[in-house]
Amino acid sequence: MSDKAARIQELIEMQKKFIEHEHKHGFDPKAYFVGGSGTVLDGYRDEFMQKAMELVDMAHAEKGSHR
């Protein structure tokens, strides 16, 4: 599996965990933006954004462009 495919799979798995957590516990905007220690939301936004931006950088490198 390529690095790009692996990164996409990681993002999908993160989304699945987030959705499962949301269905079980509802959505709390404060927990999403601030994080909740010990929950799936702890650092979720930052980690997801970091992985997504790495994927963007991979795509740009693949096409020879830049952001």
N, C-alpha and C. Protein backbone atom coordinates (compact mmCIF):
# COMPACT_ATOMS: atom_id res chain seq x y z
N MET A 1 0.87 -1.18 0.00
CA MET A 1 0.00 0.00 0.00
C MET A 1 0.91 1.23 0.00
N SER A 2 0.58 2.19 -0.85
CA SER A 2 1.37 3.41 -0.92
C SER A 2 1.16 4.26 0.32
N ASP A 3 2.07 5.21 0.53
CA ASP A 3 1.94 6.12 1.67
C ASP A 3 0.64 6.91 1.58
N LYS A 4 0.29 7.31 0.35
CA LYS A 4 -0.94 8.08 0.16
C LYS A 4 -2.17 7.24 0.51
N ALA A 5 -2.20 6.00 0.06
CA ALA A 5 -3.32 5.12 0.36
C ALA A 5 -3.39 4.83 1.85
N ALA A 6 -2.24 4.67 2.48
CA ALA A 6 -2.20 4.42 3.93
C ALA A 6 -2.74 5.62 4.69
N ARG A 7 -2.36 6.83 4.25
CA ARG A 7 -2.84 8.05 4.91
C ARG A 7 -4.35 8.18 4.75
N ILE A 8 -4.86 7.88 3.57
CA ILE A 8 -6.31 7.93 3.35
C ILE A 8 -7.01 6.93 4.26
N GLN A 9 -6.46 5.74 4.39
CA GLN A 9 -7.06 4.72 5.26
C GLN A 9 -7.07 5.18 6.70
N GLU A 10 -5.99 5.83 7.15
CA GLU A 10 -5.93 6.37 8.52
C GLU A 10 -7.05 7.39 8.74
N LEU A 11 -7.24 8.27 7.77
CA LEU A 11 -8.29 9.29 7.89
C LEU A 11 -9.68 8.65 7.93
N ILE A 12 -9.89 7.64 7.12
CA ILE A 12 -11.18 6.95 7.12
C ILE A 12 -11.42 6.28 8.46
N GLU A 13 -10.40 5.64 9.02
CA GLU A 13 -10.54 4.99 10.33
C GLU A 13 -10.84 6.03 11.42
N MET A 14 -10.18 7.17 11.35
CA MET A 14 -10.47 8.24 12.32
C MET A 14 -11.92 8.69 12.20
N GLN A 15 -12.40 8.84 10.97
CA GLN A 15 -13.78 9.27 10.77
C GLN A 15 -14.76 8.22 11.31
N LYS A 16 -14.47 6.95 11.08
CA LYS A 16 -15.34 5.89 11.59
C LYS A 16 -15.44 5.94 13.11
N LYS A 17 -14.29 6.12 13.77
CA LYS A 17 -14.29 6.20 15.24
C LYS A 17 -15.07 7.42 15.71
N PHE A 18 -14.91 8.54 15.01
CA PHE A 18 -15.62 9.75 15.36
C PHE A 18 -17.13 9.54 15.23
N ILE A 19 -17.55 8.97 14.12
CA ILE A 19 -18.98 8.74 13.88
C ILE A 19 -19.55 7.78 14.91
N GLU A 20 -18.81 6.72 15.22
CA GLU A 20 -19.27 5.77 16.25
C GLU A 20 -19.43 6.47 17.59
N HIS A 21 -18.47 7.30 17.95
CA HIS A 21 -18.53 8.06 19.21
C HIS A 21 -19.74 9.00 19.20
N GLU A 22 -19.95 9.67 18.08
CA GLU A 22 -21.08 10.59 17.96
C GLU A 22 -22.42 9.87 18.10
N HIS A 23 -22.55 8.70 17.50
CA HIS A 23 -23.81 7.95 17.59
C HIS A 23 -24.06 7.47 19.00
N LYS A 24 -23.02 7.11 19.73
CA LYS A 24 -23.18 6.61 21.09
C LYS A 24 -23.40 7.73 22.11
N HIS A 25 -22.71 8.87 21.89
CA HIS A 25 -22.68 9.92 22.92
C HIS A 25 -23.25 11.26 22.47
N GLY A 26 -23.66 11.35 21.22
CA GLY A 26 -24.13 12.63 20.70
C GLY A 26 -22.94 13.51 20.35
N PHE A 27 -23.23 14.67 19.82
CA PHE A 27 -22.17 15.60 19.42
C PHE A 27 -22.13 16.75 20.38
N ASP A 28 -20.98 16.98 20.98
CA ASP A 28 -20.76 18.10 21.89
C ASP A 28 -19.73 19.02 21.24
N PRO A 29 -20.16 20.18 20.72
CA PRO A 29 -19.21 21.07 20.04
C PRO A 29 -18.02 21.45 20.91
N LYS A 30 -18.25 21.66 22.19
CA LYS A 30 -17.15 22.03 23.08
C LYS A 30 -16.11 20.91 23.13
N ALA A 31 -16.55 19.67 23.25
CA ALA A 31 -15.62 18.54 23.28
C ALA A 31 -14.88 18.43 21.96
N TYR A 32 -15.55 18.74 20.86
CA TYR A 32 -14.92 18.66 19.55
C TYR A 32 -13.83 19.72 19.40
N PHE A 33 -14.13 20.94 19.81
CA PHE A 33 -13.17 22.03 19.63
C PHE A 33 -12.12 22.08 20.73
N VAL A 34 -12.49 21.72 21.94
CA VAL A 34 -11.56 21.77 23.06
C VAL A 34 -10.91 20.42 23.29
N GLY A 35 -11.63 19.37 22.99
CA GLY A 35 -11.13 18.01 23.22
C GLY A 35 -11.60 17.51 24.57
N GLY A 36 -11.64 16.23 24.70
CA GLY A 36 -12.04 15.63 25.97
C GLY A 36 -11.01 14.59 26.34
N SER A 37 -10.34 14.81 27.42
CA SER A 37 -9.27 13.91 27.83
C SER A 37 -9.75 12.47 27.91
N GLY A 38 -9.06 11.59 27.22
CA GLY A 38 -9.39 10.18 27.26
C GLY A 38 -10.49 9.75 26.30
N THR A 39 -11.00 10.67 25.50
CA THR A 39 -12.04 10.30 24.54
C THR A 39 -11.44 10.31 23.13
N VAL A 40 -12.21 9.82 22.19
CA VAL A 40 -11.77 9.81 20.79
C VAL A 40 -11.55 11.24 20.29
N LEU A 41 -12.15 12.21 20.95
CA LEU A 41 -12.03 13.60 20.52
C LEU A 41 -10.77 14.29 21.04
N ASP A 42 -10.07 13.65 21.96
CA ASP A 42 -8.86 14.23 22.53
C ASP A 42 -7.80 14.36 21.45
N GLY A 43 -7.56 15.58 20.98
CA GLY A 43 -6.59 15.85 19.94
C GLY A 43 -7.04 15.49 18.53
N TYR A 44 -8.31 15.10 18.40
CA TYR A 44 -8.83 14.64 17.11
C TYR A 44 -8.66 15.67 16.00
N ARG A 45 -9.12 16.89 16.25
CA ARG A 45 -9.08 17.92 15.21
C ARG A 45 -7.66 18.17 14.72
N ASP A 46 -6.73 18.33 15.65
CA ASP A 46 -5.35 18.62 15.27
C ASP A 46 -4.73 17.45 14.51
N GLU A 47 -4.93 16.23 15.00
CA GLU A 47 -4.37 15.05 14.35
C GLU A 47 -4.98 14.86 12.95
N PHE A 48 -6.31 15.02 12.86
CA PHE A 48 -6.96 14.84 11.56
C PHE A 48 -6.46 15.88 10.57
N MET A 49 -6.35 17.13 11.01
CA MET A 49 -5.88 18.21 10.13
C MET A 49 -4.45 17.94 9.69
N GLN A 50 -3.61 17.51 10.59
CA GLN A 50 -2.21 17.23 10.26
C GLN A 50 -2.13 16.13 9.19
N LYS A 51 -2.86 15.05 9.39
CA LYS A 51 -2.84 13.95 8.43
C LYS A 51 -3.43 14.38 7.08
N ALA A 52 -4.49 15.16 7.12
CA ALA A 52 -5.11 15.63 5.88
C ALA A 52 -4.16 16.54 5.11
N MET A 53 -3.44 17.42 5.81
CA MET A 53 -2.50 18.31 5.14
C MET A 53 -1.31 17.54 4.59
N GLU A 54 -0.89 16.48 5.27
CA GLU A 54 0.16 15.62 4.73
C GLU A 54 -0.30 14.99 3.42
N LEU A 55 -1.55 14.60 3.38
CA LEU A 55 -2.12 14.02 2.16
C LEU A 55 -2.16 15.06 1.04
N VAL A 56 -2.51 16.29 1.37
CA VAL A 56 -2.51 17.38 0.38
C VAL A 56 -1.09 17.58 -0.16
N ASP A 57 -0.11 17.59 0.74
CA ASP A 57 1.28 17.77 0.31
C ASP A 57 1.72 16.62 -0.60
N MET A 58 1.31 15.39 -0.27
CA MET A 58 1.64 14.24 -1.12
C MET A 58 1.05 14.41 -2.52
N ALA A 59 -0.19 14.86 -2.58
CA ALA A 59 -0.86 15.05 -3.87
C ALA A 59 -0.15 16.13 -4.69
N HIS A 60 0.24 17.23 -4.03
CA HIS A 60 0.96 18.28 -4.74
C HIS A 60 2.30 17.78 -5.25
N ALA A 61 3.02 17.03 -4.42
CA ALA A 61 4.31 16.49 -4.83
C ALA A 61 4.15 15.54 -6.03
N GLU A 62 3.08 14.77 -5.99
CA GLU A 62 2.81 13.83 -7.08
C GLU A 62 2.58 14.56 -8.41
N LYS A 63 1.91 15.70 -8.33
CA LYS A 63 1.58 16.47 -9.54
C LYS A 63 2.61 17.56 -9.87
N GLY A 64 3.58 17.75 -8.98
CA GLY A 64 4.58 18.77 -9.23
C GLY A 64 4.09 20.18 -9.00
N SER A 65 3.05 20.32 -8.21
CA SER A 65 2.52 21.65 -7.91
C SER A 65 2.81 21.98 -6.44
N HIS A 66 2.34 23.10 -5.99
CA HIS A 66 2.52 23.50 -4.60
C HIS A 66 1.33 24.31 -4.14
N ARG A 67 1.20 24.40 -2.83
CA ARG A 67 0.07 25.17 -2.29
C ARG A 67 0.52 26.49 -1.77
